[in-house]
Amino acid sequence: MKITDYQKVQTLDESNIFLIDGNNGTKTILASNLAKALIGLLSSKDFISGVNLSELTQINTLSADDKLLIGTTDGNKAIGADDALFAILDAFVPKEQRRMIYRGKNLGSVITEEQKANIKNGTFKGFFLGDYWSIGSYTWRIVDFDYWYNCGDTAFTKSHLVIMPDKPLYNAQMNETNITTGGYTGSKMYKENLNQAKTLISSAFGSLVLTRREYLTNAVTDGYPSAGAWFDSSVELPNEIMMYGSLVFTPACDGKIVVNRYTTGKTQLALFTVVPKMISNRSTFWLRDVVSSAYFAYVNGYGGTSYDNASNSYGVRPVFAIG
């Protein structure tokens, strides 16, 4: 359903009546009860955070296949119950809450001009967490909204979607030998092995890929990240915090050495908070965190956290912003 269709729906009162065309005939329902039923419809799915579903009354026999007849300025339109739910949310939910409402809709094989406009203007109309584009042979999924807004030594103030592929794009080494000298920015991954990912991402999203400023490690002493600097950043490996919401193997303060995290990626990406099963997807891929003088962190395909020698070849599943 097009956004322009349901934007034409007249202002509703809770006493307004809707017609529902279901398996057992056409029934009428109050707008207030319809709203509760629509939310209850997806209560068993990875749907919405912060809603107490026990307080909502579900309408019996309402399914995603039922059709709702809605009067609009250009005539009556029939839409699916699931589309109606997200139409209501798209019209009324604040843009900040879109990062907590999982939908997982296929947005197409190309970004439309309307989609581009709604990213750039910061309304994010037509987008919810987990929505994705199928471009080429890859699934490019929305994992957060405005995650890096106002971050950087130069403030990043462009409205943006944060995108990751569902699976690694290919496998590569962090370094040719088991060293972490120079930290993440000193690695072969950063200098060379991300280039293929940048090419694939540029092919899919073109000029929509944004460059921002990111704080990254550039030195390691005794296995600890010991220095960092601000770099122009477009496509990077994620870190442990972005994936798990906390540090796991990255060295911590031991009472003598105070460790700087060298990152603006300081909170878990929204998709992995709302739908944690999508962290690994049974795939193994590198993270940019230095663990020791020989190890970098990675996400284990079995669902665990882990680390390994820098010379091993694991997946490259990068993160980037479009806008």
Protein backbone atom coordinates (compact mmCIF):
# COMPACT_ATOMS: atom_id res chain seq x y z
CA MET A 1 0.00 0.00 0.00
CA LYS A 2 1.28 3.45 -0.85
CA ILE A 3 1.79 6.01 1.90
CA THR A 4 -0.23 8.53 -0.11
CA ASP A 5 -3.28 6.26 0.08
CA TYR A 6 -3.61 6.11 3.83
CA GLN A 7 -2.53 9.72 4.32
CA LYS A 8 -5.85 10.59 2.70
CA VAL A 9 -7.88 8.91 5.44
CA GLN A 10 -10.13 11.41 7.22
CA THR A 11 -9.62 12.36 10.87
CA LEU A 12 -11.01 9.53 12.97
CA ASP A 13 -13.05 9.54 16.16
CA GLU A 14 -13.01 6.49 18.45
CA SER A 15 -16.72 5.98 17.78
CA ASN A 16 -16.27 5.75 13.99
CA ILE A 17 -17.26 2.45 12.46
CA PHE A 18 -15.06 0.31 10.20
CA LEU A 19 -16.15 -2.60 8.02
CA ILE A 20 -13.97 -5.73 8.21
CA ASP A 21 -14.24 -8.32 5.48
CA GLY A 22 -13.18 -11.62 7.11
CA ASN A 23 -13.59 -15.35 6.62
CA ASN A 24 -16.96 -15.30 8.38
CA GLY A 25 -18.44 -12.34 6.55
CA THR A 26 -18.39 -8.58 6.85
CA LYS A 27 -18.49 -7.18 10.38
CA THR A 28 -18.50 -3.71 11.88
CA ILE A 29 -16.06 -2.55 14.53
CA LEU A 30 -15.48 0.67 16.47
CA ALA A 31 -12.30 2.55 15.59
CA SER A 32 -11.19 2.34 19.24
CA ASN A 33 -11.55 -1.47 19.26
CA LEU A 34 -9.93 -1.72 15.84
CA ALA A 35 -6.79 -0.01 17.08
CA LYS A 36 -6.55 -2.48 19.98
CA ALA A 37 -7.16 -5.42 17.67
CA LEU A 38 -4.52 -4.31 15.20
CA ILE A 39 -1.87 -4.10 17.90
CA GLY A 40 -2.99 -7.41 19.37
CA LEU A 41 -2.73 -8.95 15.91
CA LEU A 42 1.05 -8.90 16.02
CA SER A 43 1.45 -9.50 19.74
CA SER A 44 3.22 -12.80 19.17
CA LYS A 45 5.84 -11.30 16.87
CA ASP A 46 8.96 -9.19 17.35
CA PHE A 47 6.83 -6.10 17.16
CA ILE A 48 6.83 -3.24 19.61
CA SER A 49 8.71 -2.32 22.77
CA GLY A 50 7.02 -0.56 25.65
CA VAL A 51 3.42 -1.70 25.01
CA ASN A 52 1.65 -3.67 27.75
CA LEU A 53 -0.25 -6.08 25.54
CA SER A 54 -2.14 -7.55 28.52
CA GLU A 55 -4.04 -4.27 28.74
CA LEU A 56 -5.26 -4.50 25.15
CA THR A 57 -8.43 -6.30 24.12
CA GLN A 58 -8.04 -8.51 21.06
CA ILE A 59 -10.92 -8.93 18.63
CA ASN A 60 -11.61 -12.61 17.86
CA THR A 61 -10.93 -13.93 14.34
CA LEU A 62 -9.09 -10.80 13.14
CA SER A 63 -6.16 -11.97 11.01
CA ALA A 64 -3.53 -10.37 8.84
CA ASP A 65 -5.48 -11.51 5.78
CA ASP A 66 -8.64 -9.62 6.72
CA LYS A 67 -9.45 -6.55 4.67
CA LEU A 68 -10.47 -3.17 6.08
CA LEU A 69 -12.66 -0.79 4.11
CA ILE A 70 -11.54 2.79 4.70
CA GLY A 71 -13.26 5.89 3.38
CA THR A 72 -10.78 8.34 1.87
CA THR A 73 -10.99 11.65 0.06
CA ASP A 74 -10.86 9.83 -3.28
CA GLY A 75 -13.21 6.95 -2.47
CA ASN A 76 -13.25 3.77 -0.41
CA LYS A 77 -10.14 1.61 -0.30
CA ALA A 78 -9.67 -1.93 0.99
CA ILE A 79 -6.37 -2.67 2.71
CA GLY A 80 -5.01 -5.61 4.70
CA ALA A 81 -5.25 -5.50 8.48
CA ASP A 82 -1.47 -5.70 8.84
CA ASP A 83 -1.01 -2.80 6.39
CA ALA A 84 -3.64 -0.85 8.31
CA LEU A 85 -1.70 -1.27 11.54
CA PHE A 86 1.49 0.13 10.09
CA ALA A 87 -0.43 2.82 8.24
CA ILE A 88 -1.71 4.05 11.59
CA LEU A 89 1.74 3.83 13.14
CA ASP A 90 3.36 5.54 10.16
CA ALA A 91 0.91 8.41 10.43
CA PHE A 92 1.05 8.95 14.18
CA VAL A 93 4.14 7.41 15.82
CA PRO A 94 6.98 9.88 16.57
CA LYS A 95 10.00 9.27 14.37
CA GLU A 96 12.15 8.45 17.41
CA GLN A 97 9.96 5.44 18.20
CA ARG A 98 10.47 3.86 14.77
CA ARG A 99 13.73 2.40 16.07
CA MET A 100 11.72 0.33 18.58
CA ILE A 101 8.99 -0.97 16.24
CA TYR A 102 10.05 -4.01 14.23
CA ARG A 103 8.33 -4.63 10.91
CA GLY A 104 10.80 -6.41 8.60
CA LYS A 105 9.20 -5.38 5.31
CA ASN A 106 10.87 -5.76 1.91
CA LEU A 107 11.22 -2.20 0.59
CA GLY A 108 12.15 -3.28 -2.93
CA SER A 109 15.21 -3.81 -5.06
CA VAL A 110 16.02 -0.12 -5.46
CA ILE A 111 15.63 2.97 -3.28
CA THR A 112 12.84 5.13 -4.69
CA GLU A 113 12.91 8.90 -4.90
CA GLU A 114 10.17 9.06 -2.24
CA GLN A 115 12.23 6.87 0.08
CA LYS A 116 15.31 9.03 -0.46
CA ALA A 117 13.33 12.16 0.35
CA ASN A 118 11.88 10.70 3.56
CA ILE A 119 15.37 9.77 4.80
CA LYS A 120 16.90 13.12 3.96
CA ASN A 121 14.06 15.15 5.49
CA GLY A 122 14.27 13.16 8.71
CA THR A 123 10.59 12.14 8.83
CA PHE A 124 11.46 8.47 8.05
CA LYS A 125 7.94 8.02 6.69
CA GLY A 126 7.51 4.52 5.32
CA PHE A 127 10.37 3.03 7.36
CA PHE A 128 10.41 0.84 10.46
CA LEU A 129 13.11 -1.14 12.19
CA GLY A 130 14.12 -4.27 10.32
CA ASP A 131 12.80 -3.13 6.94
CA TYR A 132 15.19 -4.02 4.14
CA TRP A 133 16.14 -3.73 0.49
CA SER A 134 17.05 -6.76 -1.61
CA ILE A 135 19.72 -5.36 -3.92
CA GLY A 136 21.90 -7.71 -5.91
CA SER A 137 22.22 -10.94 -3.95
CA TYR A 138 22.28 -9.18 -0.57
CA THR A 139 19.73 -8.17 2.05
CA TRP A 140 20.47 -4.66 3.34
CA ARG A 141 18.55 -4.13 6.59
CA ILE A 142 17.72 -1.03 8.66
CA VAL A 143 19.31 -1.59 12.08
CA ASP A 144 18.83 1.90 13.58
CA PHE A 145 17.77 5.51 12.98
CA ASP A 146 19.95 8.63 13.53
CA TYR A 147 22.38 6.54 15.61
CA TRP A 148 25.36 8.86 15.01
CA TYR A 149 23.43 12.14 15.04
CA ASN A 150 25.49 14.95 16.66
CA CYS A 151 28.52 12.65 17.11
CA GLY A 152 32.07 13.37 15.95
CA ASP A 153 34.70 16.04 16.48
CA THR A 154 32.70 17.75 13.74
CA ALA A 155 29.02 17.23 14.56
CA PHE A 156 27.24 14.82 12.22
CA THR A 157 23.82 16.42 11.69
CA LYS A 158 22.41 14.59 8.67
CA SER A 159 19.32 12.47 9.16
CA HIS A 160 20.28 8.88 8.43
CA LEU A 161 19.36 5.23 8.47
CA VAL A 162 21.94 2.76 9.75
CA ILE A 163 22.29 -0.26 7.46
CA MET A 164 23.90 -3.69 7.79
CA PRO A 165 23.69 -6.72 5.51
CA ASP A 166 22.00 -9.74 7.08
CA LYS A 167 25.01 -11.93 6.34
CA PRO A 168 28.72 -11.32 5.82
CA LEU A 169 29.53 -10.09 2.32
CA TYR A 170 32.70 -12.22 2.13
CA ASN A 171 35.51 -13.53 4.35
CA ALA A 172 38.83 -11.76 5.02
CA GLN A 173 41.68 -11.47 7.52
CA MET A 174 42.21 -8.70 10.02
CA ASN A 175 45.97 -9.00 9.41
CA GLU A 176 48.22 -11.41 7.54
CA THR A 177 49.94 -12.37 10.81
CA ASN A 178 48.69 -12.58 14.41
CA ILE A 179 49.27 -8.97 15.37
CA THR A 180 47.08 -6.03 16.37
CA THR A 181 49.81 -3.42 15.95
CA GLY A 182 48.28 -0.07 15.09
CA GLY A 183 44.87 -1.15 16.36
CA TYR A 184 41.90 -1.28 14.01
CA THR A 185 43.13 1.49 11.71
CA GLY A 186 46.53 -0.19 11.47
CA SER A 187 45.01 -3.47 10.32
CA LYS A 188 44.95 -4.84 6.80
CA MET A 189 41.18 -5.10 7.19
CA TYR A 190 40.87 -1.34 7.59
CA LYS A 191 43.46 -0.47 4.95
CA GLU A 192 42.56 -2.98 2.24
CA ASN A 193 40.10 -5.73 3.09
CA LEU A 194 37.10 -3.40 3.52
CA ASN A 195 37.50 -2.10 -0.03
CA GLN A 196 35.37 -4.86 -1.55
CA ALA A 197 32.58 -4.06 0.92
CA LYS A 198 32.79 -0.36 0.07
CA THR A 199 32.47 -1.21 -3.62
CA LEU A 200 29.38 -3.39 -3.04
CA ILE A 201 27.77 -0.77 -0.81
CA SER A 202 28.49 2.03 -3.28
CA SER A 203 26.95 -0.05 -6.06
CA ALA A 204 23.79 -0.57 -4.00
CA PHE A 205 23.36 2.90 -2.46
CA GLY A 206 25.53 5.27 -4.50
CA SER A 207 25.72 8.85 -3.22
CA LEU A 208 23.35 8.06 -0.33
CA VAL A 209 26.29 6.57 1.63
CA LEU A 210 27.35 9.21 4.15
CA THR A 211 30.78 10.07 5.50
CA ARG A 212 31.01 11.08 9.14
CA ARG A 213 33.72 11.40 11.78
CA GLU A 214 34.54 8.36 13.91
CA TYR A 215 36.98 7.84 16.79
CA LEU A 216 39.07 4.71 16.10
CA THR A 217 42.08 2.93 17.64
CA ASN A 218 45.47 3.49 16.04
CA ALA A 219 47.87 2.03 18.64
CA VAL A 220 48.13 -0.99 20.96
CA THR A 221 50.47 -1.37 23.94
CA ASP A 222 50.84 -4.66 25.81
CA GLY A 223 47.61 -5.88 24.26
CA TYR A 224 45.62 -2.80 25.31
CA PRO A 225 44.26 -0.19 22.89
CA SER A 226 46.47 2.75 23.82
CA ALA A 227 45.68 5.56 21.36
CA GLY A 228 43.06 6.71 18.91
CA ALA A 229 42.19 9.53 16.54
CA TRP A 230 39.30 10.97 14.55
CA PHE A 231 38.94 9.60 11.02
CA ASP A 232 36.60 10.22 8.11
CA SER A 233 34.36 7.16 8.18
CA SER A 234 31.83 5.71 5.74
CA VAL A 235 31.95 1.90 6.02
CA GLU A 236 33.34 0.16 9.12
CA LEU A 237 33.21 -3.08 11.04
CA PRO A 238 30.89 -2.77 14.05
CA ASN A 239 32.21 -3.12 17.60
CA GLU A 240 31.14 -5.27 20.55
CA ILE A 241 28.96 -2.56 22.08
CA MET A 242 27.03 -2.05 18.84
CA MET A 243 26.31 -5.77 18.58
CA TYR A 244 25.86 -6.88 22.22
CA GLY A 245 25.21 -3.68 24.13
CA SER A 246 28.33 -4.21 26.28
CA LEU A 247 32.01 -5.03 26.15
CA VAL A 248 32.88 -8.72 26.31
CA PHE A 249 36.50 -9.42 25.41
CA THR A 250 37.74 -5.87 24.85
CA PRO A 251 40.27 -5.10 27.64
CA ALA A 252 38.87 -3.22 30.62
CA CYS A 253 40.47 -1.02 33.28
CA ASP A 254 42.58 -3.15 35.65
CA GLY A 255 43.13 -0.43 38.26
CA LYS A 256 46.35 0.67 36.61
CA ILE A 257 45.58 1.01 32.93
CA VAL A 258 42.55 3.18 32.09
CA VAL A 259 41.28 2.12 28.67
CA ASN A 260 39.67 4.53 26.23
CA ARG A 261 37.04 2.91 24.02
CA TYR A 262 37.85 5.05 20.95
CA THR A 263 34.35 4.96 19.52
CA THR A 264 31.12 6.87 19.06
CA GLY A 265 29.36 3.48 18.77
CA LYS A 266 28.56 3.47 22.47
CA THR A 267 25.11 1.83 22.54
CA GLN A 268 23.64 -1.34 21.06
CA LEU A 269 22.10 -0.96 17.62
CA ALA A 270 18.32 -0.95 17.97
CA LEU A 271 17.66 -4.04 15.84
CA PHE A 272 19.80 -6.20 18.09
CA THR A 273 18.02 -4.91 21.19
CA VAL A 274 14.55 -5.57 19.81
CA VAL A 275 15.34 -8.76 17.83
CA PRO A 276 18.51 -10.28 19.35
CA LYS A 277 18.23 -13.41 17.20
CA MET A 278 19.47 -11.27 14.30
CA ILE A 279 22.86 -10.64 15.90
CA SER A 280 24.52 -13.71 14.45
CA ASN A 281 22.08 -15.34 11.99
CA ARG A 282 24.36 -18.41 12.27
CA SER A 283 27.15 -16.43 10.65
CA THR A 284 30.64 -15.64 11.95
CA PHE A 285 32.10 -12.19 11.36
CA TRP A 286 34.84 -9.89 12.64
CA LEU A 287 34.39 -6.95 14.98
CA ARG A 288 36.88 -4.08 15.16
CA ASP A 289 37.75 -4.46 18.87
CA VAL A 290 41.34 -5.24 19.87
CA VAL A 291 41.37 -8.03 22.47
CA SER A 292 45.13 -8.61 22.87
CA SER A 293 48.40 -8.25 20.98
CA ALA A 294 47.26 -11.10 18.68
CA TYR A 295 43.45 -11.21 18.86
CA PHE A 296 40.46 -9.27 17.56
CA ALA A 297 36.87 -9.89 18.69
CA TYR A 298 34.25 -11.52 16.48
CA VAL A 299 30.64 -12.72 16.55
CA ASN A 300 30.42 -16.50 16.71
CA GLY A 301 28.08 -18.26 14.28
CA TYR A 302 26.83 -20.45 17.14
CA GLY A 303 25.38 -17.38 18.85
CA GLY A 304 28.22 -16.74 21.27
CA THR A 305 30.81 -14.02 21.68
CA SER A 306 34.41 -14.83 20.83
CA TYR A 307 37.86 -13.70 19.66
CA ASP A 308 40.61 -15.20 17.54
CA ASN A 309 43.97 -14.72 15.88
CA ALA A 310 44.09 -11.77 13.53
CA SER A 311 45.27 -13.96 10.64
CA ASN A 312 42.13 -16.08 10.56
CA SER A 313 39.62 -15.37 7.82
CA TYR A 314 36.09 -14.57 9.01
CA GLY A 315 33.09 -12.73 7.66
CA VAL A 316 32.94 -9.03 6.82
CA ARG A 317 29.54 -7.65 7.86
CA PRO A 318 29.97 -3.87 7.83
CA VAL A 319 27.81 -1.05 9.14
CA PHE A 320 27.17 2.31 7.47
CA ALA A 321 24.79 5.26 7.24
CA ILE A 322 22.68 6.41 4.31
CA GLY A 323 20.91 9.73 3.96
